[in-house]
Protein backbone atom coordinates (compact mmCIF):
# COMPACT_ATOMS: atom_id res chain seq x y z
CA MET A 1 0.14 0.15 -0.07
CA ALA A 2 1.20 3.34 -0.68
CA ARG A 3 2.60 5.40 2.06
CA PHE A 4 0.41 8.09 1.46
CA PRO A 5 -2.87 6.80 0.06
CA TRP A 6 -5.13 9.09 -2.12
CA LEU A 7 -8.10 9.61 0.27
CA ILE A 8 -11.46 10.35 -0.87
CA PRO A 9 -12.47 13.31 1.34
CA THR A 10 -16.00 13.05 3.35
CA THR A 11 -18.58 15.71 2.97
CA ALA A 12 -16.87 17.51 5.42
CA ALA A 13 -13.84 17.99 3.65
CA VAL A 14 -15.68 20.27 1.06
CA VAL A 15 -15.12 18.85 -2.57
CA VAL A 16 -16.17 21.78 -4.59
CA SER A 17 -16.25 22.84 -8.19
CA SER A 18 -15.41 26.47 -7.38
CA VAL A 19 -15.15 28.69 -4.50
CA ALA A 20 -16.04 32.23 -3.88
CA ALA A 21 -13.01 34.63 -3.95
CA PRO A 22 -11.81 35.42 -0.16
CA SER A 23 -12.05 38.85 1.05
CA TRP A 24 -8.03 38.58 1.63
CA ALA A 25 -7.64 37.92 -2.24
CA THR A 26 -5.71 41.22 -3.70
CA VAL A 27 -4.03 39.64 -6.60
CA ARG A 28 -4.75 40.73 -10.13
CA VAL A 29 -3.65 39.64 -13.78
CA GLY A 30 -1.53 42.35 -15.21
CA ASN A 31 -0.27 43.48 -11.66
CA PRO A 32 2.95 42.73 -10.18
CA ALA A 33 2.54 39.38 -8.40
CA PRO A 34 3.10 39.68 -4.76
CA ASP A 35 6.61 38.89 -3.64
CA PHE A 36 7.35 36.32 -0.84
CA THR A 37 9.74 34.45 1.06
CA ALA A 38 8.80 31.03 2.05
CA LYS A 39 10.48 27.59 3.15
CA THR A 40 10.45 24.50 1.16
CA SER A 41 10.40 21.09 1.98
CA THR A 42 14.28 20.53 1.69
CA GLY A 43 14.70 23.53 4.19
CA GLN A 44 15.54 26.13 1.72
CA THR A 45 14.35 29.72 1.62
CA VAL A 46 12.76 30.78 -1.46
CA ARG A 47 11.93 34.44 -2.57
CA LEU A 48 10.01 35.16 -5.70
CA SER A 49 11.98 38.28 -6.47
CA ASP A 50 15.10 35.87 -6.72
CA TYR A 51 13.46 34.45 -9.74
CA LYS A 52 12.99 37.83 -12.03
CA GLY A 53 13.73 36.82 -15.59
CA LYS A 54 12.25 33.49 -15.33
CA VAL A 55 8.75 32.59 -15.68
CA VAL A 56 7.28 31.02 -12.24
CA VAL A 57 4.21 28.78 -11.81
CA LEU A 58 2.52 28.31 -8.52
CA GLU A 59 0.36 25.13 -7.91
CA TRP A 60 -1.44 24.95 -4.80
CA THR A 61 -1.79 21.14 -4.04
CA ASN A 62 -3.39 18.68 -1.35
CA HIS A 63 -2.36 15.24 -2.29
CA GLN A 64 -5.48 13.87 -0.55
CA CYS A 65 -8.03 15.75 -2.77
CA PRO A 66 -9.40 14.00 -5.50
CA PHE A 67 -9.24 16.51 -7.79
CA VAL A 68 -5.56 16.77 -7.37
CA ALA A 69 -5.39 12.95 -7.46
CA LYS A 70 -6.65 12.94 -10.94
CA HIS A 71 -4.09 15.03 -12.27
CA TYR A 72 -1.12 13.21 -10.71
CA ARG A 73 -2.69 9.58 -11.22
CA SER A 74 -3.19 10.31 -14.89
CA GLY A 75 0.33 11.83 -15.05
CA ASN A 76 -0.86 15.03 -16.31
CA MET A 77 0.69 17.18 -13.44
CA GLN A 78 4.05 15.59 -13.88
CA LYS A 79 4.00 15.97 -17.53
CA LEU A 80 3.29 19.61 -17.43
CA GLN A 81 5.82 20.00 -14.75
CA GLN A 82 8.62 18.38 -16.94
CA GLU A 83 7.61 20.45 -20.03
CA ALA A 84 7.72 23.62 -18.17
CA LYS A 85 10.83 23.03 -16.50
CA ALA A 86 12.83 21.96 -19.61
CA LYS A 87 11.85 25.36 -21.01
CA GLY A 88 13.33 27.04 -17.88
CA VAL A 89 10.22 27.58 -15.79
CA VAL A 90 10.39 27.48 -12.21
CA TRP A 91 7.58 25.51 -10.73
CA PHE A 92 6.72 25.80 -7.05
CA SER A 93 4.08 23.19 -5.57
CA VAL A 94 2.63 25.07 -2.46
CA VAL A 95 0.90 23.14 0.39
CA SER A 96 -1.16 25.43 2.54
CA SER A 97 -3.33 22.77 4.39
CA ALA A 98 -2.94 23.53 8.02
CA PRO A 99 -2.00 20.98 10.78
CA GLY A 100 -4.79 18.56 11.52
CA GLN A 101 -6.41 19.26 8.27
CA GLN A 102 -6.82 17.11 5.05
CA GLY A 103 -3.49 17.30 3.01
CA PHE A 104 -0.92 18.74 5.86
CA VAL A 105 2.37 17.21 5.34
CA THR A 106 5.65 17.80 7.18
CA ALA A 107 8.75 18.39 5.34
CA ALA A 108 9.82 14.59 5.26
CA GLN A 109 6.04 13.85 4.30
CA ALA A 110 6.00 16.30 1.31
CA ASN A 111 9.23 14.87 0.17
CA ALA A 112 7.75 11.27 0.40
CA VAL A 113 4.47 12.30 -1.57
CA VAL A 114 6.72 14.08 -4.51
CA LYS A 115 8.74 10.80 -4.62
CA GLU A 116 5.64 8.68 -4.71
CA GLN A 117 4.11 11.07 -7.46
CA LYS A 118 7.01 10.90 -9.47
CA ALA A 119 6.59 14.68 -9.64
CA SER A 120 9.23 17.32 -10.42
CA PRO A 121 8.42 20.72 -9.23
CA THR A 122 11.44 22.86 -8.49
CA ALA A 123 10.45 22.73 -5.15
CA VAL A 124 7.35 22.20 -2.73
CA ILE A 125 6.68 25.19 -0.39
CA LEU A 126 5.20 24.53 3.11
CA ASP A 127 2.63 27.19 3.89
CA PRO A 128 0.89 25.69 7.12
CA GLU A 129 0.11 28.94 8.44
CA GLY A 130 -1.71 29.90 5.11
CA THR A 131 0.24 33.00 4.84
CA LEU A 132 1.04 32.57 0.89
CA GLY A 133 -2.08 31.18 0.07
CA LYS A 134 -4.15 33.98 1.66
CA LEU A 135 -1.57 36.54 -0.06
CA TYR A 136 -2.57 35.01 -3.58
CA GLY A 137 -6.24 34.38 -2.76
CA ALA A 138 -5.57 30.29 -3.51
CA ARG A 139 -9.03 28.77 -3.16
CA THR A 140 -8.98 25.30 -4.40
CA THR A 141 -6.45 22.49 -5.01
CA PRO A 142 -5.46 22.77 -7.66
CA HIS A 143 -5.38 26.51 -7.95
CA MET A 144 -2.69 27.89 -10.59
CA PHE A 145 -0.77 30.97 -10.99
CA VAL A 146 1.57 31.92 -13.98
CA ILE A 147 4.18 34.89 -13.54
CA ASP A 148 6.13 36.33 -16.49
CA LYS A 149 10.00 37.18 -16.24
CA ALA A 150 9.17 40.66 -15.41
CA GLY A 151 7.36 39.36 -12.22
CA GLN A 152 3.73 40.44 -13.62
CA LEU A 153 1.00 37.93 -12.83
CA GLN A 154 -0.40 36.66 -16.30
CA TYR A 155 -2.57 34.00 -15.46
CA MET A 156 -4.74 32.56 -12.35
CA GLY A 157 -7.52 29.73 -12.24
CA ALA A 158 -8.07 26.19 -13.18
CA ILE A 159 -5.62 23.96 -14.70
CA ASP A 160 -7.94 23.35 -17.50
CA ASP A 161 -11.53 23.37 -18.80
CA GLN A 162 -12.65 19.79 -17.51
CA PRO A 163 -13.87 20.54 -13.85
CA ASN A 164 -14.60 16.72 -12.79
CA LEU A 165 -12.80 13.72 -11.40
CA ALA A 166 -12.53 11.87 -14.84
CA GLU A 167 -8.83 10.89 -15.38
CA LYS A 168 -9.53 10.07 -19.29
CA ASP A 169 -10.63 13.87 -19.90
CA VAL A 170 -7.12 15.31 -19.21
CA THR A 171 -6.30 14.31 -22.87
CA LYS A 172 -9.17 16.35 -24.32
CA ALA A 173 -8.75 19.23 -21.77
CA ASN A 174 -7.78 22.73 -23.02
CA ASN A 175 -4.85 23.17 -20.48
CA TYR A 176 -4.83 27.05 -19.29
CA VAL A 177 -1.65 26.58 -17.76
CA ARG A 178 0.16 25.19 -20.51
CA ALA A 179 -1.03 27.66 -23.30
CA ALA A 180 -0.32 30.53 -20.80
CA ILE A 181 3.20 29.12 -20.55
CA GLN A 182 3.67 29.01 -24.06
CA GLN A 183 2.13 32.41 -24.93
CA ILE A 184 4.37 34.15 -22.17
CA LEU A 185 7.36 32.54 -23.73
CA ALA A 186 6.71 33.59 -27.35
CA GLY A 187 6.34 37.08 -26.11
CA GLN A 188 2.48 36.93 -26.74
CA LYS A 189 -0.54 38.22 -24.59
CA VAL A 190 -2.16 35.38 -22.51
CA THR A 191 -5.65 34.80 -24.12
CA THR A 192 -7.20 33.26 -21.39
CA SER A 193 -5.72 35.03 -18.32
CA THR A 194 -8.65 34.24 -15.54
CA THR A 195 -10.65 31.24 -15.34
CA GLN A 196 -12.76 29.89 -12.20
CA PRO A 197 -10.75 27.37 -10.16
CA TYR A 198 -12.09 24.13 -9.46
CA GLY A 199 -11.06 21.28 -6.99
CA CYS A 200 -11.35 20.93 -3.20
CA SER A 201 -11.31 23.86 -0.67
CA VAL A 202 -7.88 24.93 0.56
CA LYS A 203 -7.58 23.57 3.96
CA TYR A 204 -6.60 26.68 5.97
CA LYS A 205 -5.97 27.04 9.47
CA ASN A 206 -9.33 27.61 11.40
């Protein structure tokens, strides 16, 4: 049995297709992405401002959320991570689940999940206090943000246009994140820059 099984949430876990924007959400596409300093699962300190000149993806994740599981079980998220990194994109997976909440992981557990998933983010950011999640207004897992080389937020929302649990649908999905990365790197305007995120609600500290 896998060390970190994909648990199907109960009703109390609040599986949702979308969540209303929190009152603390302040980010806007076209504006500078809020700078942050955070700790990774390997103990490193990362600052967004250190990655000026790079495209940066922020992926809010919760390994116990079935919507996240859909994208990892199918290999969809791993493929997207690999494609992005091959193009020089920095990819941060962010865990904002609080202690005692669904999806919370220690640093060692986060590293084990990455290994089990065969995932390849640049780093996993641990955000148990929810500081980074609330700064960006992250609502769901997954919730995706793409930041351009100048530090401007160019995409925020869902990973794709298939808000369901069917793994087979990832192959026919319009992947908004892939398109945003491609357009940013080509110096083009991101045609779909904001979408409604879907997934499980982020399990913030009460």
